[in-house]
Amino acid sequence: MTIDPVAPPVSRKGSTAAVLVFVAAGLTLPCGLLGYHLVAWYAGQIALASISLGFL
């Protein structure tokens, strides 16, 4: 199996992105419930503010 000299940087970049995604998911999942509550709360606040200001 020959390795193209141009391929390693691209694959390294892709694997780094995948690792970052996995790390972010690993950090997010344990406190996912809290995160979902916060996101829902912020979304609700933004929606209420938008409605009260007449944006929606």
N, C-alpha and C. Protein backbone atom coordinates (compact mmCIF):
# COMPACT_ATOMS: atom_id res chain seq x y z
N MET A 1 0.86 -1.19 0.00
CA MET A 1 0.00 0.00 0.00
C MET A 1 0.90 1.23 0.00
N THR A 2 0.88 1.99 -1.09
CA THR A 2 1.71 3.19 -1.18
C THR A 2 0.95 4.38 -0.60
N ILE A 3 1.71 5.29 -0.01
CA ILE A 3 1.09 6.47 0.61
C ILE A 3 1.44 7.69 -0.22
N ASP A 4 0.43 8.41 -0.65
CA ASP A 4 0.65 9.63 -1.43
C ASP A 4 1.18 10.72 -0.49
N PRO A 5 2.27 11.40 -0.85
CA PRO A 5 2.81 12.43 0.05
C PRO A 5 1.81 13.55 0.36
N VAL A 6 0.85 13.75 -0.54
CA VAL A 6 -0.11 14.84 -0.31
C VAL A 6 -1.20 14.40 0.65
N ALA A 7 -1.43 13.10 0.77
CA ALA A 7 -2.55 12.61 1.56
C ALA A 7 -2.39 12.78 3.07
N PRO A 8 -1.21 12.52 3.66
CA PRO A 8 -1.11 12.57 5.11
C PRO A 8 -1.59 13.87 5.76
N PRO A 9 -1.20 15.08 5.27
CA PRO A 9 -1.70 16.29 5.93
C PRO A 9 -3.23 16.37 5.92
N VAL A 10 -3.84 15.97 4.79
CA VAL A 10 -5.29 16.05 4.69
C VAL A 10 -5.94 15.09 5.68
N SER A 11 -5.44 13.84 5.69
CA SER A 11 -6.02 12.85 6.59
C SER A 11 -5.73 13.22 8.04
N ARG A 12 -4.56 13.81 8.29
CA ARG A 12 -4.24 14.23 9.66
C ARG A 12 -5.21 15.32 10.10
N LYS A 13 -5.49 16.26 9.20
CA LYS A 13 -6.44 17.32 9.52
C LYS A 13 -7.82 16.72 9.79
N GLY A 14 -8.22 15.77 8.95
CA GLY A 14 -9.53 15.14 9.13
C GLY A 14 -9.60 14.37 10.43
N SER A 15 -8.53 13.62 10.77
CA SER A 15 -8.55 12.85 12.01
C SER A 15 -8.52 13.77 13.21
N THR A 16 -7.82 14.90 13.11
CA THR A 16 -7.80 15.86 14.21
C THR A 16 -9.20 16.43 14.43
N ALA A 17 -9.90 16.76 13.34
CA ALA A 17 -11.26 17.26 13.47
C ALA A 17 -12.16 16.20 14.09
N ALA A 18 -11.99 14.94 13.67
CA ALA A 18 -12.81 13.87 14.23
C ALA A 18 -12.53 13.71 15.72
N VAL A 19 -11.25 13.78 16.11
CA VAL A 19 -10.91 13.67 17.53
C VAL A 19 -11.53 14.82 18.32
N LEU A 20 -11.47 16.03 17.77
CA LEU A 20 -12.07 17.17 18.46
C LEU A 20 -13.57 16.98 18.62
N VAL A 21 -14.21 16.46 17.55
CA VAL A 21 -15.66 16.21 17.64
C VAL A 21 -15.95 15.18 18.72
N PHE A 22 -15.14 14.09 18.74
CA PHE A 22 -15.37 13.05 19.75
C PHE A 22 -15.13 13.59 21.16
N VAL A 23 -14.09 14.42 21.33
CA VAL A 23 -13.81 14.99 22.64
C VAL A 23 -14.95 15.91 23.07
N ALA A 24 -15.43 16.74 22.13
CA ALA A 24 -16.54 17.64 22.45
C ALA A 24 -17.78 16.84 22.83
N ALA A 25 -18.04 15.75 22.08
CA ALA A 25 -19.20 14.91 22.41
C ALA A 25 -19.00 14.26 23.77
N GLY A 26 -17.78 13.80 24.06
CA GLY A 26 -17.51 13.17 25.35
C GLY A 26 -17.67 14.14 26.51
N LEU A 27 -17.30 15.41 26.29
CA LEU A 27 -17.46 16.40 27.34
C LEU A 27 -18.91 16.85 27.47
N THR A 28 -19.65 16.78 26.36
CA THR A 28 -21.02 17.30 26.36
C THR A 28 -22.01 16.27 26.91
N LEU A 29 -21.79 14.97 26.57
CA LEU A 29 -22.77 13.96 26.94
C LEU A 29 -23.00 13.84 28.44
N PRO A 30 -21.97 13.83 29.30
CA PRO A 30 -22.25 13.69 30.74
C PRO A 30 -23.15 14.80 31.28
N CYS A 31 -22.96 16.03 30.80
CA CYS A 31 -23.80 17.13 31.27
C CYS A 31 -24.77 17.53 30.16
N GLY A 32 -25.15 16.56 29.33
CA GLY A 32 -26.03 16.85 28.20
C GLY A 32 -27.40 17.34 28.65
N LEU A 33 -27.92 16.74 29.72
CA LEU A 33 -29.25 17.13 30.20
C LEU A 33 -29.24 18.60 30.62
N LEU A 34 -28.22 18.99 31.38
CA LEU A 34 -28.10 20.39 31.77
C LEU A 34 -27.94 21.28 30.55
N GLY A 35 -27.15 20.82 29.59
CA GLY A 35 -26.94 21.60 28.37
C GLY A 35 -28.24 21.80 27.61
N TYR A 36 -29.03 20.72 27.51
CA TYR A 36 -30.30 20.83 26.80
C TYR A 36 -31.23 21.80 27.51
N HIS A 37 -31.25 21.75 28.85
CA HIS A 37 -32.10 22.68 29.60
C HIS A 37 -31.66 24.12 29.36
N LEU A 38 -30.33 24.35 29.36
CA LEU A 38 -29.82 25.70 29.14
C LEU A 38 -30.15 26.18 27.73
N VAL A 39 -29.96 25.29 26.74
CA VAL A 39 -30.26 25.68 25.35
C VAL A 39 -31.75 26.00 25.21
N ALA A 40 -32.58 25.15 25.80
CA ALA A 40 -34.03 25.39 25.71
C ALA A 40 -34.39 26.69 26.42
N TRP A 41 -33.76 26.95 27.56
CA TRP A 41 -34.05 28.18 28.30
C TRP A 41 -33.63 29.41 27.49
N TYR A 42 -32.40 29.37 26.94
CA TYR A 42 -31.93 30.50 26.13
C TYR A 42 -32.81 30.69 24.89
N ALA A 43 -33.19 29.58 24.24
CA ALA A 43 -34.05 29.69 23.07
C ALA A 43 -35.38 30.32 23.45
N GLY A 44 -35.92 29.90 24.60
CA GLY A 44 -37.19 30.48 25.07
C GLY A 44 -37.05 31.96 25.36
N GLN A 45 -35.94 32.34 26.02
CA GLN A 45 -35.73 33.76 26.33
C GLN A 45 -35.60 34.58 25.05
N ILE A 46 -34.85 34.07 24.07
CA ILE A 46 -34.67 34.79 22.81
C ILE A 46 -36.00 34.90 22.08
N ALA A 47 -36.78 33.80 22.09
CA ALA A 47 -38.08 33.83 21.42
C ALA A 47 -39.00 34.83 22.11
N LEU A 48 -39.03 34.84 23.43
CA LEU A 48 -39.88 35.79 24.15
C LEU A 48 -39.44 37.23 23.87
N ALA A 49 -38.13 37.47 23.88
CA ALA A 49 -37.63 38.82 23.60
C ALA A 49 -37.98 39.23 22.18
N SER A 50 -37.83 38.29 21.24
CA SER A 50 -38.13 38.61 19.85
C SER A 50 -39.61 38.93 19.68
N ILE A 51 -40.46 38.14 20.34
CA ILE A 51 -41.91 38.38 20.23
C ILE A 51 -42.26 39.73 20.86
N SER A 52 -41.67 40.00 22.05
CA SER A 52 -42.01 41.24 22.74
C SER A 52 -41.50 42.46 21.97
N LEU A 53 -40.41 42.28 21.22
CA LEU A 53 -39.88 43.39 20.43
C LEU A 53 -40.51 43.45 19.05
N GLY A 54 -41.35 42.46 18.72
CA GLY A 54 -42.05 42.47 17.45
C GLY A 54 -41.24 41.92 16.29
N PHE A 55 -40.19 41.10 16.59
CA PHE A 55 -39.39 40.54 15.51
C PHE A 55 -40.05 39.32 14.90
N LEU A 56 -40.86 38.61 15.68
CA LEU A 56 -41.49 37.39 15.16
C LEU A 56 -42.95 37.67 14.83
